Amino acid sequence: MIARAPLGEILRHLRAEPSRTWSVIITVFGDAIVPRGGSVWLGTLVRFFAALGSNDGVVRTAMSRLAADGWLERSRVGRNSFYHLTEKGRVTFRQATAHIYGPHARRWNGRFEMLLIGNTRERESMRPQLLTAGFGAVAPGVWVAPAGAPLPHLTREVLHLDAGCDLATARKLAKACWPLERTAAAYARFVTLFTPLEGALDAAMPAAEIDALVARILLIHEYRRIILRDPTLPLELLPPTWPGVAARELCGRLYHRLLPASERWLDRYGRSAAGKLPTAGPELARRFQADAS
């Protein structure tokens, strides 16, 4: 069983942050339910959240909110409720999954994508897409990203330029366009919070199934909140000893150590409308594989 001290500290951290049950449910779906077919019985979620100290009323309220916001759909079989992702949820989760678990390492080729957006209304409408794609703002209406970043849908009013500069200038540009200090601090806090868990796993017997699932979900929940705001720039553009590297390596190590026991809990207690949750495919084991060079 995982020593309760590090797990308890992680739980205290979660409760101190402005995180809500609905947000953790999003993590549960993306990390554990989508690989197993994407549909789950409400009772499975209630049982899991009881281990986090949340009662069933809180879970039901959060599920209703997610359904009202268009993320989940509910179906009923007798008196039992089952939830699955809407099309909006599936698209968003596919993008997030690639960013959280997929390879990040890439080399900078000396070029940037540059977008000039003159229309003020269009600037605001495109902003969420640009941030998601990893662009940073140089000035109002001027956005840049390392070459190869995915481009949002561009109208005729948007100018797309290919720009180049030397490495020193590129590092200054990166510092000006992205909140690197804040992101680095978040990664450093992540490493501080989860390193004791690795020590506990080293010292303990194999983790109990529910402890392993709780630790796995909290690990990904905290990492997700950082990585989805990180444009994952090439390392050449980042400050030396970038803590995101250590955070990702730690997250990957812990994830694969927690995976077998946490999957056994899902085998035992996970239910969908068709019965037991399907077994996850091979893509689950490929998460956090070594980044491409």
Protein backbone atom coordinates (compact mmCIF):
# COMPACT_ATOMS: atom_id res chain seq x y z
CA MET A 1 0.00 0.00 0.00
CA ILE A 2 1.21 3.53 -0.76
CA ALA A 3 2.32 5.32 2.40
CA ARG A 4 -0.54 7.64 3.32
CA ALA A 5 1.71 10.60 4.13
CA PRO A 6 2.59 11.62 0.54
CA LEU A 7 -0.87 10.76 -0.77
CA GLY A 8 -2.45 12.81 2.02
CA GLU A 9 -0.22 15.77 1.21
CA ILE A 10 -1.28 15.60 -2.44
CA LEU A 11 -4.94 15.49 -1.41
CA ARG A 12 -4.45 18.53 0.85
CA HIS A 13 -2.81 20.38 -2.03
CA LEU A 14 -5.72 19.51 -4.33
CA ARG A 15 -8.28 20.81 -1.84
CA ALA A 16 -6.32 24.03 -1.30
CA GLU A 17 -6.24 24.80 -5.01
CA PRO A 18 -9.21 26.37 -6.87
CA SER A 19 -10.05 22.96 -8.32
CA ARG A 20 -13.52 21.46 -8.30
CA THR A 21 -14.99 17.98 -8.49
CA TRP A 22 -16.11 18.57 -12.09
CA SER A 23 -12.50 19.29 -13.06
CA VAL A 24 -11.26 16.05 -11.51
CA ILE A 25 -14.07 14.20 -13.34
CA ILE A 26 -12.67 15.59 -16.60
CA THR A 27 -9.30 14.09 -15.66
CA VAL A 28 -10.90 10.73 -14.78
CA PHE A 29 -12.68 10.58 -18.13
CA GLY A 30 -9.64 11.58 -20.18
CA ASP A 31 -7.16 9.40 -18.35
CA ALA A 32 -9.10 6.30 -17.35
CA ILE A 33 -12.51 6.09 -19.05
CA VAL A 34 -11.81 7.13 -22.65
CA PRO A 35 -9.20 4.35 -23.12
CA ARG A 36 -11.88 1.89 -21.94
CA GLY A 37 -14.66 2.80 -24.31
CA GLY A 38 -15.62 6.25 -23.02
CA SER A 39 -18.79 5.36 -21.09
CA VAL A 40 -19.08 4.74 -17.35
CA TRP A 41 -21.69 4.04 -14.68
CA LEU A 42 -22.27 6.87 -12.22
CA GLY A 43 -21.81 4.38 -9.39
CA THR A 44 -18.22 3.72 -10.48
CA LEU A 45 -17.43 7.43 -10.22
CA VAL A 46 -19.19 7.72 -6.86
CA ARG A 47 -17.12 4.84 -5.51
CA PHE A 48 -13.88 6.40 -6.76
CA PHE A 49 -14.67 9.86 -5.37
CA ALA A 50 -15.52 8.38 -1.98
CA ALA A 51 -11.79 7.56 -1.75
CA LEU A 52 -11.12 11.28 -2.28
CA GLY A 53 -13.53 12.21 0.49
CA SER A 54 -16.31 13.46 -1.81
CA ASN A 55 -19.89 12.33 -1.22
CA ASP A 56 -22.26 11.16 -3.94
CA GLY A 57 -24.30 14.38 -3.89
CA VAL A 58 -21.23 16.41 -4.87
CA VAL A 59 -20.41 13.96 -7.68
CA ARG A 60 -23.98 13.97 -9.01
CA THR A 61 -24.07 17.77 -9.03
CA ALA A 62 -20.76 17.93 -10.89
CA MET A 63 -21.95 15.39 -13.48
CA SER A 64 -25.12 17.39 -14.04
CA ARG A 65 -23.05 20.52 -14.58
CA LEU A 66 -20.83 18.80 -17.15
CA ALA A 67 -23.90 17.51 -18.97
CA ALA A 68 -25.52 20.96 -18.94
CA ASP A 69 -22.31 22.47 -20.33
CA GLY A 70 -22.29 20.04 -23.25
CA TRP A 71 -19.36 17.83 -22.23
CA LEU A 72 -21.25 14.69 -21.25
CA GLU A 73 -24.46 12.90 -22.21
CA ARG A 74 -26.46 10.72 -19.85
CA SER A 75 -28.34 7.52 -20.62
CA ARG A 76 -30.36 5.37 -18.23
CA VAL A 77 -30.74 1.63 -17.92
CA GLY A 78 -33.38 0.99 -15.30
CA ARG A 79 -32.46 3.12 -12.30
CA ASN A 80 -28.78 3.36 -13.25
CA SER A 81 -27.23 6.37 -14.99
CA PHE A 82 -24.36 6.09 -17.46
CA TYR A 83 -22.33 8.94 -18.93
CA HIS A 84 -20.32 9.31 -22.13
CA LEU A 85 -18.61 12.18 -23.91
CA THR A 86 -20.43 14.37 -26.40
CA GLU A 87 -18.84 15.05 -29.81
CA LYS A 88 -17.51 18.33 -28.39
CA GLY A 89 -15.96 16.40 -25.52
CA ARG A 90 -14.41 13.76 -27.79
CA VAL A 91 -12.72 16.35 -30.03
CA THR A 92 -11.36 18.30 -27.06
CA PHE A 93 -10.15 15.16 -25.32
CA ARG A 94 -8.32 13.91 -28.42
CA GLN A 95 -6.38 17.16 -28.63
CA ALA A 96 -5.64 17.21 -24.89
CA THR A 97 -4.57 13.56 -24.86
CA ALA A 98 -1.99 14.16 -27.57
CA HIS A 99 -0.60 17.15 -25.67
CA ILE A 100 -0.49 15.46 -22.25
CA TYR A 101 0.85 12.01 -23.13
CA GLY A 102 2.43 12.43 -26.58
CA PRO A 103 6.06 13.25 -27.42
CA HIS A 104 7.16 16.87 -27.05
CA ALA A 105 10.87 17.08 -27.76
CA ARG A 106 11.57 18.95 -30.99
CA ARG A 107 14.42 21.04 -32.29
CA TRP A 108 14.08 24.65 -33.33
CA ASN A 109 14.87 25.15 -37.01
CA GLY A 110 15.45 28.90 -36.77
CA ARG A 111 11.99 29.81 -38.05
CA PHE A 112 8.73 31.08 -36.58
CA GLU A 113 5.14 31.12 -37.78
CA MET A 114 3.92 34.73 -37.54
CA LEU A 115 0.28 35.80 -37.81
CA LEU A 116 -0.80 39.43 -38.23
CA ILE A 117 -4.46 39.91 -37.26
CA GLY A 118 -5.71 43.40 -37.93
CA ASN A 119 -9.42 43.13 -37.14
CA THR A 120 -9.99 43.69 -33.41
CA ARG A 121 -13.05 41.44 -33.27
CA GLU A 122 -11.21 38.66 -35.03
CA ARG A 123 -8.28 39.01 -32.64
CA GLU A 124 -10.55 38.16 -29.73
CA SER A 125 -12.40 35.33 -31.48
CA MET A 126 -9.14 33.66 -32.53
CA ARG A 127 -7.37 34.06 -29.20
CA PRO A 128 -8.44 30.71 -27.60
CA GLN A 129 -7.47 28.77 -30.76
CA LEU A 130 -4.10 30.50 -30.92
CA LEU A 131 -3.30 29.82 -27.28
CA THR A 132 -4.30 26.17 -27.67
CA ALA A 133 -2.06 25.87 -30.73
CA GLY A 134 0.91 27.23 -28.75
CA PHE A 135 1.09 30.78 -30.12
CA GLY A 136 2.24 33.72 -28.02
CA ALA A 137 1.43 37.39 -28.53
CA VAL A 138 4.29 39.76 -29.41
CA ALA A 139 1.97 42.76 -29.59
CA PRO A 140 -1.78 43.27 -30.11
CA GLY A 141 -2.69 41.31 -33.23
CA VAL A 142 0.82 39.84 -33.68
CA TRP A 143 1.21 36.16 -32.77
CA VAL A 144 4.20 33.84 -33.14
CA ALA A 145 4.99 30.15 -32.66
CA PRO A 146 7.93 27.96 -33.61
CA ALA A 147 7.68 26.71 -37.20
CA GLY A 148 5.44 23.69 -37.54
CA ALA A 149 2.88 24.75 -34.92
CA PRO A 150 -0.68 23.84 -35.98
CA LEU A 151 -2.39 26.80 -37.62
CA PRO A 152 -5.99 27.65 -36.75
CA HIS A 153 -8.44 28.42 -39.53
CA LEU A 154 -7.22 31.63 -41.16
CA THR A 155 -9.41 34.17 -42.94
CA ARG A 156 -8.25 36.40 -45.77
CA GLU A 157 -7.71 39.26 -43.32
CA VAL A 158 -5.00 37.33 -41.44
CA LEU A 159 -1.46 37.54 -42.81
CA HIS A 160 0.67 34.43 -42.33
CA LEU A 161 4.41 35.05 -42.50
CA ASP A 162 7.50 32.87 -42.20
CA ALA A 163 10.04 34.66 -40.00
CA GLY A 164 13.56 33.81 -38.89
CA CYS A 165 16.06 35.15 -36.36
CA ASP A 166 19.19 34.16 -34.46
CA LEU A 167 19.00 32.06 -31.30
CA ALA A 168 19.65 34.94 -28.86
CA THR A 169 16.80 36.95 -30.36
CA ALA A 170 14.57 33.89 -30.38
CA ARG A 171 15.13 33.38 -26.65
CA LYS A 172 14.25 37.01 -25.95
CA LEU A 173 11.13 36.58 -28.05
CA ALA A 174 10.14 33.45 -26.14
CA LYS A 175 10.57 35.23 -22.81
CA ALA A 176 8.44 38.15 -24.03
CA CYS A 177 5.64 36.07 -25.55
CA TRP A 178 5.10 33.27 -23.04
CA PRO A 179 4.88 33.25 -19.20
CA LEU A 180 7.99 31.10 -18.83
CA GLU A 181 8.76 32.04 -15.22
CA ARG A 182 5.24 31.18 -14.06
CA THR A 183 5.26 27.91 -16.00
CA ALA A 184 8.68 26.97 -14.61
CA ALA A 185 7.48 27.65 -11.07
CA ALA A 186 4.43 25.43 -11.62
CA TYR A 187 6.62 22.57 -12.84
CA ALA A 188 8.96 23.00 -9.88
CA ARG A 189 5.98 22.78 -7.48
CA PHE A 190 4.82 19.63 -9.28
CA VAL A 191 8.21 17.97 -8.78
CA THR A 192 8.27 18.97 -5.10
CA LEU A 193 4.74 17.64 -4.55
CA PHE A 194 5.12 14.27 -6.27
CA THR A 195 8.74 13.28 -5.58
CA PRO A 196 7.81 11.93 -2.10
CA LEU A 197 5.28 9.66 -3.76
CA GLU A 198 8.05 8.04 -5.78
CA GLY A 199 10.00 7.50 -2.58
CA ALA A 200 6.96 5.91 -0.96
CA LEU A 201 6.54 3.55 -3.90
CA ASP A 202 10.19 2.58 -3.63
CA ALA A 203 9.82 1.78 0.07
CA ALA A 204 6.39 0.13 0.11
CA MET A 205 4.81 -3.09 -0.96
CA PRO A 206 2.86 -2.96 -4.24
CA ALA A 207 0.23 -0.23 -4.11
CA ALA A 208 -3.34 -1.07 -3.16
CA GLU A 209 -5.61 -0.75 -6.18
CA ILE A 210 -7.66 2.22 -4.99
CA ASP A 211 -4.58 4.05 -3.70
CA ALA A 212 -2.91 3.52 -7.06
CA LEU A 213 -5.91 4.90 -8.95
CA VAL A 214 -6.24 7.90 -6.64
CA ALA A 215 -2.53 8.68 -7.00
CA ARG A 216 -2.67 8.21 -10.78
CA ILE A 217 -5.65 10.53 -11.23
CA LEU A 218 -4.23 13.24 -8.96
CA LEU A 219 -0.87 12.97 -10.73
CA ILE A 220 -2.43 13.52 -14.15
CA HIS A 221 -4.86 16.12 -12.84
CA GLU A 222 -2.04 18.29 -11.55
CA TYR A 223 0.18 17.70 -14.59
CA ARG A 224 -2.70 18.41 -16.98
CA ARG A 225 -3.31 21.81 -15.40
CA ILE A 226 0.26 22.81 -16.25
CA ILE A 227 0.95 21.10 -19.56
CA LEU A 228 -2.24 22.30 -21.26
CA ARG A 229 -1.08 25.89 -20.67
CA ASP A 230 2.47 25.16 -21.80
CA PRO A 231 3.24 25.71 -25.52
CA THR A 232 6.07 23.14 -25.13
CA LEU A 233 8.64 25.25 -26.93
CA PRO A 234 11.83 23.65 -28.27
CA LEU A 235 14.39 23.37 -25.47
CA GLU A 236 16.80 25.69 -27.29
CA LEU A 237 14.38 28.57 -26.64
CA LEU A 238 13.90 27.83 -22.94
CA PRO A 239 16.04 28.76 -19.92
CA PRO A 240 18.75 26.23 -18.94
CA THR A 241 17.69 23.30 -16.72
CA TRP A 242 14.05 23.80 -17.68
CA PRO A 243 12.01 22.10 -14.87
CA GLY A 244 9.40 20.89 -17.34
CA VAL A 245 11.83 18.14 -18.37
CA ALA A 246 12.16 16.79 -14.82
CA ALA A 247 8.41 17.11 -14.26
CA ARG A 248 7.58 15.12 -17.37
CA GLU A 249 10.12 12.40 -16.57
CA LEU A 250 8.78 12.09 -13.02
CA CYS A 251 5.19 12.03 -14.23
CA GLY A 252 5.96 9.28 -16.75
CA ARG A 253 7.80 7.13 -14.22
CA LEU A 254 5.06 7.40 -11.62
CA TYR A 255 2.31 6.86 -14.16
CA HIS A 256 3.68 3.54 -15.36
CA ARG A 257 4.32 2.34 -11.83
CA LEU A 258 0.74 3.13 -10.82
CA LEU A 259 -0.88 1.85 -14.01
CA PRO A 260 -1.11 -1.93 -13.32
CA ALA A 261 -2.78 -1.67 -9.89
CA SER A 262 -5.05 1.21 -10.93
CA GLU A 263 -6.21 -0.75 -14.00
CA ARG A 264 -7.04 -3.71 -11.76
CA TRP A 265 -9.37 -1.46 -9.75
CA LEU A 266 -11.11 -0.46 -12.98
CA ASP A 267 -11.34 -4.12 -13.99
CA ARG A 268 -12.98 -4.91 -10.66
CA TYR A 269 -15.33 -1.95 -10.17
CA GLY A 270 -15.66 -0.19 -13.53
CA ARG A 271 -19.02 -0.60 -15.23
CA SER A 272 -20.62 0.61 -18.45
CA ALA A 273 -24.14 0.00 -19.75
CA ALA A 274 -22.85 -3.16 -21.46
CA GLY A 275 -21.31 -4.58 -18.28
CA LYS A 276 -17.66 -4.45 -17.25
CA LEU A 277 -15.54 -1.70 -18.76
CA PRO A 278 -13.69 -2.92 -21.87
CA THR A 279 -9.97 -3.53 -21.51
CA ALA A 280 -7.83 -0.57 -22.56
CA GLY A 281 -6.01 -0.83 -25.88
CA PRO A 282 -2.23 -0.75 -26.39
CA GLU A 283 -2.21 3.06 -26.65
CA LEU A 284 -2.53 3.24 -22.86
CA ALA A 285 0.85 1.54 -22.36
CA ARG A 286 2.42 3.90 -24.94
CA ARG A 287 1.63 7.03 -22.94
CA PHE A 288 4.73 8.98 -21.86
CA GLN A 289 7.00 6.98 -24.14
CA ALA A 290 10.38 8.56 -24.86
CA ASP A 291 10.08 11.81 -26.79
CA ALA A 292 11.27 11.87 -30.36
CA SER A 293 14.70 13.36 -30.87
